[in-house]
Amino acid sequence: MVNFGASSGDSIDLSLPSLFYPQFNILGTSMESKEEFEQYNASQHKTGADSVYPLIEIEHALERMKSGNQFGNIGLEME
């Protein structure tokens, strides 16, 4: 599971045992400021999903991602 962006604020309420016992890893990344994010969301420039594949076709989704030709997200649909 990946979650990105902190546009709702810098603080979260997290139970440490629920993080440590399953041995989750946290990976952080950064993007624009909250104001830039809101400005982008208000604009008409929206990319959305490039494509959605059934989970059984995960190999095709990975090939699409590796090609670098997508514009937007590549999704997997659970049936």
PDB file of N, CA and C in Angstrom:
ATOM      1  N   MET A   1       0.857  -1.171   0.000  1.00  0.00           N
ATOM      2  CA  MET A   1       0.000   0.000   0.000  1.00  0.00           C
ATOM      3  C   MET A   1       0.895   1.223   0.000  1.00  0.00           C
ATOM      4  N   VAL A   2       0.593   2.177  -0.850  1.00  0.00           N
ATOM      5  CA  VAL A   2       1.368   3.406  -0.932  1.00  0.00           C
ATOM      6  C   VAL A   2       0.426   4.575  -0.727  1.00  0.00           C
ATOM      7  N   ASN A   3       0.838   5.513   0.097  1.00  0.00           N
ATOM      8  CA  ASN A   3       0.091   6.748   0.291  1.00  0.00           C
ATOM      9  C   ASN A   3       1.061   7.889   0.089  1.00  0.00           C
ATOM     10  N   PHE A   4       0.661   8.878  -0.653  1.00  0.00           N
ATOM     11  CA  PHE A   4       1.565   9.997  -0.899  1.00  0.00           C
ATOM     12  C   PHE A   4       0.842  11.305  -0.714  1.00  0.00           C
ATOM     13  N   GLY A   5       1.624  12.338  -0.419  1.00  0.00           N
ATOM     14  CA  GLY A   5       1.067  13.670  -0.231  1.00  0.00           C
ATOM     15  C   GLY A   5       0.714  13.921   1.226  1.00  0.00           C
ATOM     16  N   ALA A   6       0.920  15.128   1.649  1.00  0.00           N
ATOM     17  CA  ALA A   6       0.530  15.548   2.993  1.00  0.00           C
ATOM     18  C   ALA A   6      -0.269  16.835   2.875  1.00  0.00           C
ATOM     19  N   SER A   7      -1.101  16.888   1.854  1.00  0.00           N
ATOM     20  CA  SER A   7      -1.841  18.110   1.568  1.00  0.00           C
ATOM     21  C   SER A   7      -2.867  18.453   2.635  1.00  0.00           C
ATOM     22  N   SER A   8      -3.230  17.483   3.451  1.00  0.00           N
ATOM     23  CA  SER A   8      -4.197  17.742   4.514  1.00  0.00           C
ATOM     24  C   SER A   8      -3.515  18.218   5.788  1.00  0.00           C
ATOM     25  N   GLY A   9      -2.203  18.285   5.800  1.00  0.00           N
ATOM     26  CA  GLY A   9      -1.489  18.764   6.979  1.00  0.00           C
ATOM     27  C   GLY A   9      -0.277  17.912   7.278  1.00  0.00           C
ATOM     28  N   ASP A  10       0.507  18.362   8.257  1.00  0.00           N
ATOM     29  CA  ASP A  10       1.758  17.698   8.588  1.00  0.00           C
ATOM     30  C   ASP A  10       1.640  16.689   9.720  1.00  0.00           C
ATOM     31  N   SER A  11       0.518  16.655  10.422  1.00  0.00           N
ATOM     32  CA  SER A  11       0.391  15.796  11.597  1.00  0.00           C
ATOM     33  C   SER A  11      -0.579  14.649  11.332  1.00  0.00           C
ATOM     34  N   ILE A  12      -0.246  13.489  11.880  1.00  0.00           N
ATOM     35  CA  ILE A  12      -1.144  12.340  11.824  1.00  0.00           C
ATOM     36  C   ILE A  12      -1.202  11.706  13.193  1.00  0.00           C
ATOM     37  N   ASP A  13      -2.259  10.966  13.458  1.00  0.00           N
ATOM     38  CA  ASP A  13      -2.401  10.211  14.689  1.00  0.00           C
ATOM     39  C   ASP A  13      -2.192   8.751  14.318  1.00  0.00           C
ATOM     40  N   LEU A  14      -1.135   8.142  14.843  1.00  0.00           N
ATOM     41  CA  LEU A  14      -0.759   6.794  14.447  1.00  0.00           C
ATOM     42  C   LEU A  14      -0.447   5.957  15.683  1.00  0.00           C
ATOM     43  N   SER A  15      -1.041   4.794  15.752  1.00  0.00           N
ATOM     44  CA  SER A  15      -0.747   3.856  16.828  1.00  0.00           C
ATOM     45  C   SER A  15       0.572   3.154  16.493  1.00  0.00           C
ATOM     46  N   LEU A  16       1.602   3.358  17.277  1.00  0.00           N
ATOM     47  CA  LEU A  16       2.903   2.764  16.988  1.00  0.00           C
ATOM     48  C   LEU A  16       2.884   1.245  16.980  1.00  0.00           C
ATOM     49  N   PRO A  17       2.190   0.571  17.903  1.00  0.00           N
ATOM     50  CA  PRO A  17       2.153  -0.890  17.819  1.00  0.00           C
ATOM     51  C   PRO A  17       1.553  -1.397  16.502  1.00  0.00           C
ATOM     52  N   SER A  18       0.534  -0.698  15.965  1.00  0.00           N
ATOM     53  CA  SER A  18      -0.066  -1.146  14.707  1.00  0.00           C
ATOM     54  C   SER A  18       0.888  -0.959  13.536  1.00  0.00           C
ATOM     55  N   LEU A  19       1.906  -0.153  13.721  1.00  0.00           N
ATOM     56  CA  LEU A  19       2.925   0.051  12.690  1.00  0.00           C
ATOM     57  C   LEU A  19       4.075  -0.944  12.857  1.00  0.00           C
ATOM     58  N   PHE A  20       4.521  -1.159  14.099  1.00  0.00           N
ATOM     59  CA  PHE A  20       5.709  -1.979  14.336  1.00  0.00           C
ATOM     60  C   PHE A  20       5.445  -3.486  14.311  1.00  0.00           C
ATOM     61  N   TYR A  21       4.320  -3.923  14.890  1.00  0.00           N
ATOM     62  CA  TYR A  21       4.075  -5.369  14.965  1.00  0.00           C
ATOM     63  C   TYR A  21       3.998  -6.030  13.589  1.00  0.00           C
ATOM     64  N   PRO A  22       3.304  -5.438  12.606  1.00  0.00           N
ATOM     65  CA  PRO A  22       3.306  -6.066  11.271  1.00  0.00           C
ATOM     66  C   PRO A  22       4.592  -5.772  10.483  1.00  0.00           C
ATOM     67  N   GLN A  23       5.501  -4.998  11.076  1.00  0.00           N
ATOM     68  CA  GLN A  23       6.778  -4.638  10.464  1.00  0.00           C
ATOM     69  C   GLN A  23       6.602  -3.905   9.139  1.00  0.00           C
ATOM     70  N   PHE A  24       5.735  -2.877   9.150  1.00  0.00           N
ATOM     71  CA  PHE A  24       5.542  -2.041   7.968  1.00  0.00           C
ATOM     72  C   PHE A  24       6.766  -1.166   7.745  1.00  0.00           C
ATOM     73  N   ASN A  25       7.021  -0.826   6.514  1.00  0.00           N
ATOM     74  CA  ASN A  25       8.051   0.145   6.151  1.00  0.00           C
ATOM     75  C   ASN A  25       7.368   1.415   5.685  1.00  0.00           C
ATOM     76  N   ILE A  26       7.917   2.554   6.042  1.00  0.00           N
ATOM     77  CA  ILE A  26       7.374   3.839   5.619  1.00  0.00           C
ATOM     78  C   ILE A  26       8.372   4.477   4.668  1.00  0.00           C
ATOM     79  N   LEU A  27       7.870   4.906   3.535  1.00  0.00           N
ATOM     80  CA  LEU A  27       8.684   5.582   2.539  1.00  0.00           C
ATOM     81  C   LEU A  27       8.056   6.929   2.254  1.00  0.00           C
ATOM     82  N   GLY A  28       8.818   7.977   2.376  1.00  0.00           N
ATOM     83  CA  GLY A  28       8.291   9.317   2.139  1.00  0.00           C
ATOM     84  C   GLY A  28       8.768   9.900   0.825  1.00  0.00           C
ATOM     85  N   THR A  29       7.978  10.789   0.283  1.00  0.00           N
ATOM     86  CA  THR A  29       8.338  11.515  -0.929  1.00  0.00           C
ATOM     87  C   THR A  29       7.760  12.918  -0.807  1.00  0.00           C
ATOM     88  N   SER A  30       8.155  13.794  -1.658  1.00  0.00           N
ATOM     89  CA  SER A  30       7.649  15.167  -1.570  1.00  0.00           C
ATOM     90  C   SER A  30       7.146  15.638  -2.925  1.00  0.00           C
ATOM     91  N   MET A  31       6.336  16.662  -2.887  1.00  0.00           N
ATOM     92  CA  MET A  31       5.808  17.281  -4.096  1.00  0.00           C
ATOM     93  C   MET A  31       5.651  18.760  -3.817  1.00  0.00           C
ATOM     94  N   GLU A  32       4.682  19.390  -4.425  1.00  0.00           N
ATOM     95  CA  GLU A  32       4.520  20.834  -4.256  1.00  0.00           C
ATOM     96  C   GLU A  32       3.886  21.169  -2.908  1.00  0.00           C
ATOM     97  N   SER A  33       3.749  22.469  -2.663  1.00  0.00           N
ATOM     98  CA  SER A  33       3.132  22.935  -1.422  1.00  0.00           C
ATOM     99  C   SER A  33       1.622  22.681  -1.473  1.00  0.00           C
ATOM    100  N   LYS A  34       0.977  22.834  -0.324  1.00  0.00           N
ATOM    101  CA  LYS A  34      -0.479  22.661  -0.250  1.00  0.00           C
ATOM    102  C   LYS A  34      -1.184  23.643  -1.175  1.00  0.00           C
ATOM    103  N   GLU A  35      -0.703  24.877  -1.242  1.00  0.00           N
ATOM    104  CA  GLU A  35      -1.310  25.887  -2.110  1.00  0.00           C
ATOM    105  C   GLU A  35      -1.176  25.505  -3.586  1.00  0.00           C
ATOM    106  N   GLU A  36      -0.006  25.003  -3.984  1.00  0.00           N
ATOM    107  CA  GLU A  36       0.187  24.582  -5.374  1.00  0.00           C
ATOM    108  C   GLU A  36      -0.701  23.391  -5.702  1.00  0.00           C
ATOM    109  N   PHE A  37      -0.848  22.465  -4.746  1.00  0.00           N
ATOM    110  CA  PHE A  37      -1.703  21.308  -4.945  1.00  0.00           C
ATOM    111  C   PHE A  37      -3.154  21.739  -5.137  1.00  0.00           C
ATOM    112  N   GLU A  38      -3.634  22.665  -4.312  1.00  0.00           N
ATOM    113  CA  GLU A  38      -5.003  23.168  -4.439  1.00  0.00           C
ATOM    114  C   GLU A  38      -5.202  23.905  -5.756  1.00  0.00           C
ATOM    115  N   GLN A  39      -4.196  24.670  -6.182  1.00  0.00           N
ATOM    116  CA  GLN A  39      -4.279  25.380  -7.459  1.00  0.00           C
ATOM    117  C   GLN A  39      -4.358  24.389  -8.620  1.00  0.00           C
ATOM    118  N   TYR A  40      -3.571  23.334  -8.567  1.00  0.00           N
ATOM    119  CA  TYR A  40      -3.608  22.312  -9.612  1.00  0.00           C
ATOM    120  C   TYR A  40      -4.969  21.633  -9.649  1.00  0.00           C
ATOM    121  N   ASN A  41      -5.504  21.287  -8.481  1.00  0.00           N
ATOM    122  CA  ASN A  41      -6.804  20.618  -8.430  1.00  0.00           C
ATOM    123  C   ASN A  41      -7.926  21.508  -8.939  1.00  0.00           C
ATOM    124  N   ALA A  42      -7.792  22.811  -8.778  1.00  0.00           N
ATOM    125  CA  ALA A  42      -8.815  23.744  -9.252  1.00  0.00           C
ATOM    126  C   ALA A  42      -8.715  23.974 -10.764  1.00  0.00           C
ATOM    127  N   SER A  43      -7.589  23.643 -11.367  1.00  0.00           N
ATOM    128  CA  SER A  43      -7.399  23.875 -12.798  1.00  0.00           C
ATOM    129  C   SER A  43      -8.130  22.829 -13.619  1.00  0.00           C
ATOM    130  N   GLN A  44      -8.196  23.051 -14.916  1.00  0.00           N
ATOM    131  CA  GLN A  44      -8.837  22.108 -15.837  1.00  0.00           C
ATOM    132  C   GLN A  44      -7.880  21.000 -16.248  1.00  0.00           C
ATOM    133  N   HIS A  45      -6.620  21.091 -15.846  1.00  0.00           N
ATOM    134  CA  HIS A  45      -5.599  20.108 -16.255  1.00  0.00           C
ATOM    135  C   HIS A  45      -5.637  18.919 -15.314  1.00  0.00           C
ATOM    136  N   LYS A  46      -6.357  17.892 -15.684  1.00  0.00           N
ATOM    137  CA  LYS A  46      -6.446  16.677 -14.879  1.00  0.00           C
ATOM    138  C   LYS A  46      -6.016  15.498 -15.755  1.00  0.00           C
ATOM    139  N   THR A  47      -5.199  14.627 -15.203  1.00  0.00           N
ATOM    140  CA  THR A  47      -4.719  13.507 -16.004  1.00  0.00           C
ATOM    141  C   THR A  47      -5.539  12.245 -15.792  1.00  0.00           C
ATOM    142  N   GLY A  48      -5.862  11.924 -14.568  1.00  0.00           N
ATOM    143  CA  GLY A  48      -6.622  10.713 -14.303  1.00  0.00           C
ATOM    144  C   GLY A  48      -5.819   9.460 -14.568  1.00  0.00           C
ATOM    145  N   ALA A  49      -6.525   8.396 -14.843  1.00  0.00           N
ATOM    146  CA  ALA A  49      -5.875   7.106 -15.058  1.00  0.00           C
ATOM    147  C   ALA A  49      -5.509   6.926 -16.517  1.00  0.00           C
ATOM    148  N   ASP A  50      -4.337   6.381 -16.741  1.00  0.00           N
ATOM    149  CA  ASP A  50      -3.914   6.030 -18.089  1.00  0.00           C
ATOM    150  C   ASP A  50      -4.648   4.770 -18.533  1.00  0.00           C
ATOM    151  N   SER A  51      -4.658   3.774 -17.650  1.00  0.00           N
ATOM    152  CA  SER A  51      -5.285   2.500 -17.981  1.00  0.00           C
ATOM    153  C   SER A  51      -5.554   1.716 -16.706  1.00  0.00           C
ATOM    154  N   VAL A  52      -6.483   0.765 -16.817  1.00  0.00           N
ATOM    155  CA  VAL A  52      -6.817  -0.119 -15.699  1.00  0.00           C
ATOM    156  C   VAL A  52      -6.837  -1.538 -16.240  1.00  0.00           C
ATOM    157  N   TYR A  53      -6.122  -2.422 -15.551  1.00  0.00           N
ATOM    158  CA  TYR A  53      -6.015  -3.821 -15.964  1.00  0.00           C
ATOM    159  C   TYR A  53      -6.636  -4.714 -14.900  1.00  0.00           C
ATOM    160  N   PRO A  54      -7.284  -5.820 -15.306  1.00  0.00           N
ATOM    161  CA  PRO A  54      -7.691  -6.813 -14.309  1.00  0.00           C
ATOM    162  C   PRO A  54      -6.440  -7.384 -13.650  1.00  0.00           C
ATOM    163  N   LEU A  55      -6.533  -7.751 -12.389  1.00  0.00           N
ATOM    164  CA  LEU A  55      -5.374  -8.247 -11.653  1.00  0.00           C
ATOM    165  C   LEU A  55      -4.702  -9.416 -12.365  1.00  0.00           C
ATOM    166  N   ILE A  56      -5.481 -10.228 -13.054  1.00  0.00           N
ATOM    167  CA  ILE A  56      -4.924 -11.384 -13.755  1.00  0.00           C
ATOM    168  C   ILE A  56      -3.978 -10.954 -14.892  1.00  0.00           C
ATOM    169  N   GLU A  57      -4.096  -9.691 -15.347  1.00  0.00           N
ATOM    170  CA  GLU A  57      -3.244  -9.170 -16.418  1.00  0.00           C
ATOM    171  C   GLU A  57      -2.148  -8.257 -15.878  1.00  0.00           C
ATOM    172  N   ILE A  58      -1.679  -8.540 -14.667  1.00  0.00           N
ATOM    173  CA  ILE A  58      -0.669  -7.692 -14.042  1.00  0.00           C
ATOM    174  C   ILE A  58       0.609  -7.592 -14.888  1.00  0.00           C
ATOM    175  N   GLU A  59       0.935  -8.662 -15.618  1.00  0.00           N
ATOM    176  CA  GLU A  59       2.131  -8.631 -16.468  1.00  0.00           C
ATOM    177  C   GLU A  59       2.005  -7.543 -17.540  1.00  0.00           C
ATOM    178  N   HIS A  60       0.808  -7.392 -18.123  1.00  0.00           N
ATOM    179  CA  HIS A  60       0.593  -6.350 -19.142  1.00  0.00           C
ATOM    180  C   HIS A  60       0.700  -4.955 -18.524  1.00  0.00           C
ATOM    181  N   ALA A  61       0.167  -4.822 -17.301  1.00  0.00           N
ATOM    182  CA  ALA A  61       0.256  -3.532 -16.611  1.00  0.00           C
ATOM    183  C   ALA A  61       1.716  -3.171 -16.345  1.00  0.00           C
ATOM    184  N   LEU A  62       2.518  -4.144 -15.920  1.00  0.00           N
ATOM    185  CA  LEU A  62       3.936  -3.897 -15.659  1.00  0.00           C
ATOM    186  C   LEU A  62       4.683  -3.565 -16.944  1.00  0.00           C
ATOM    187  N   GLU A  63       4.329  -4.226 -18.040  1.00  0.00           N
ATOM    188  CA  GLU A  63       4.951  -3.905 -19.331  1.00  0.00           C
ATOM    189  C   GLU A  63       4.623  -2.476 -19.736  1.00  0.00           C
ATOM    190  N   ARG A  64       3.364  -2.056 -19.536  1.00  0.00           N
ATOM    191  CA  ARG A  64       2.959  -0.676 -19.853  1.00  0.00           C
ATOM    192  C   ARG A  64       3.770   0.310 -19.008  1.00  0.00           C
ATOM    193  N   MET A  65       3.926   0.002 -17.735  1.00  0.00           N
ATOM    194  CA  MET A  65       4.678   0.890 -16.845  1.00  0.00           C
ATOM    195  C   MET A  65       6.146   0.954 -17.258  1.00  0.00           C
ATOM    196  N   LYS A  66       6.735  -0.211 -17.554  1.00  0.00           N
ATOM    197  CA  LYS A  66       8.154  -0.249 -17.936  1.00  0.00           C
ATOM    198  C   LYS A  66       8.417   0.482 -19.242  1.00  0.00           C
ATOM    199  N   SER A  67       7.418   0.516 -20.133  1.00  0.00           N
ATOM    200  CA  SER A  67       7.599   1.200 -21.427  1.00  0.00           C
ATOM    201  C   SER A  67       7.714   2.710 -21.249  1.00  0.00           C
ATOM    202  N   GLY A  68       7.119   3.245 -20.167  1.00  0.00           N
ATOM    203  CA  GLY A  68       7.178   4.677 -19.919  1.00  0.00           C
ATOM    204  C   GLY A  68       6.256   5.482 -20.813  1.00  0.00           C
ATOM    205  N   ASN A  69       5.331   4.838 -21.504  1.00  0.00           N
ATOM    206  CA  ASN A  69       4.438   5.546 -22.426  1.00  0.00           C
ATOM    207  C   ASN A  69       3.119   5.970 -21.797  1.00  0.00           C
ATOM    208  N   GLN A  70       2.913   5.651 -20.519  1.00  0.00           N
ATOM    209  CA  GLN A  70       1.648   6.009 -19.893  1.00  0.00           C
ATOM    210  C   GLN A  70       1.623   7.495 -19.557  1.00  0.00           C
ATOM    211  N   PHE A  71       0.403   8.026 -19.470  1.00  0.00           N
ATOM    212  CA  PHE A  71       0.200   9.406 -19.030  1.00  0.00           C
ATOM    213  C   PHE A  71      -0.861   9.356 -17.942  1.00  0.00           C
ATOM    214  N   GLY A  72      -0.420   9.263 -16.721  1.00  0.00           N
ATOM    215  CA  GLY A  72      -1.329   9.095 -15.603  1.00  0.00           C
ATOM    216  C   GLY A  72      -1.067   7.775 -14.906  1.00  0.00           C
ATOM    217  N   ASN A  73      -1.979   7.393 -14.066  1.00  0.00           N
ATOM    218  CA  ASN A  73      -1.822   6.174 -13.267  1.00  0.00           C
ATOM    219  C   ASN A  73      -2.204   4.926 -14.044  1.00  0.00           C
ATOM    220  N   ILE A  74      -1.568   3.825 -13.674  1.00  0.00           N
ATOM    221  CA  ILE A  74      -1.938   2.505 -14.175  1.00  0.00           C
ATOM    222  C   ILE A  74      -2.562   1.784 -12.983  1.00  0.00           C
ATOM    223  N   GLY A  75      -3.802   1.336 -13.146  1.00  0.00           N
ATOM    224  CA  GLY A  75      -4.505   0.705 -12.042  1.00  0.00           C
ATOM    225  C   GLY A  75      -4.679  -0.782 -12.249  1.00  0.00           C
ATOM    226  N   LEU A  76      -4.851  -1.486 -11.131  1.00  0.00           N
ATOM    227  CA  LEU A  76      -5.180  -2.909 -11.140  1.00  0.00           C
ATOM    228  C   LEU A  76      -6.545  -3.055 -10.492  1.00  0.00           C
ATOM    229  N   GLU A  77      -7.409  -3.808 -11.152  1.00  0.00           N
ATOM    230  CA  GLU A  77      -8.778  -3.998 -10.659  1.00  0.00           C
ATOM    231  C   GLU A  77      -8.913  -5.412 -10.110  1.00  0.00           C
ATOM    232  N   MET A  78      -9.380  -5.498  -8.867  1.00  0.00           N
ATOM    233  CA  MET A  78      -9.614  -6.794  -8.236  1.00  0.00           C
ATOM    234  C   MET A  78     -11.008  -7.254  -8.622  1.00  0.00           C
ATOM    235  N   GLU A  79     -11.113  -8.474  -9.090  1.00  0.00           N
ATOM    236  CA  GLU A  79     -12.412  -8.997  -9.513  1.00  0.00           C
ATOM    237  C   GLU A  79     -13.076  -9.773  -8.406  1.00  0.00           C
TER     238      GLU A  79
END
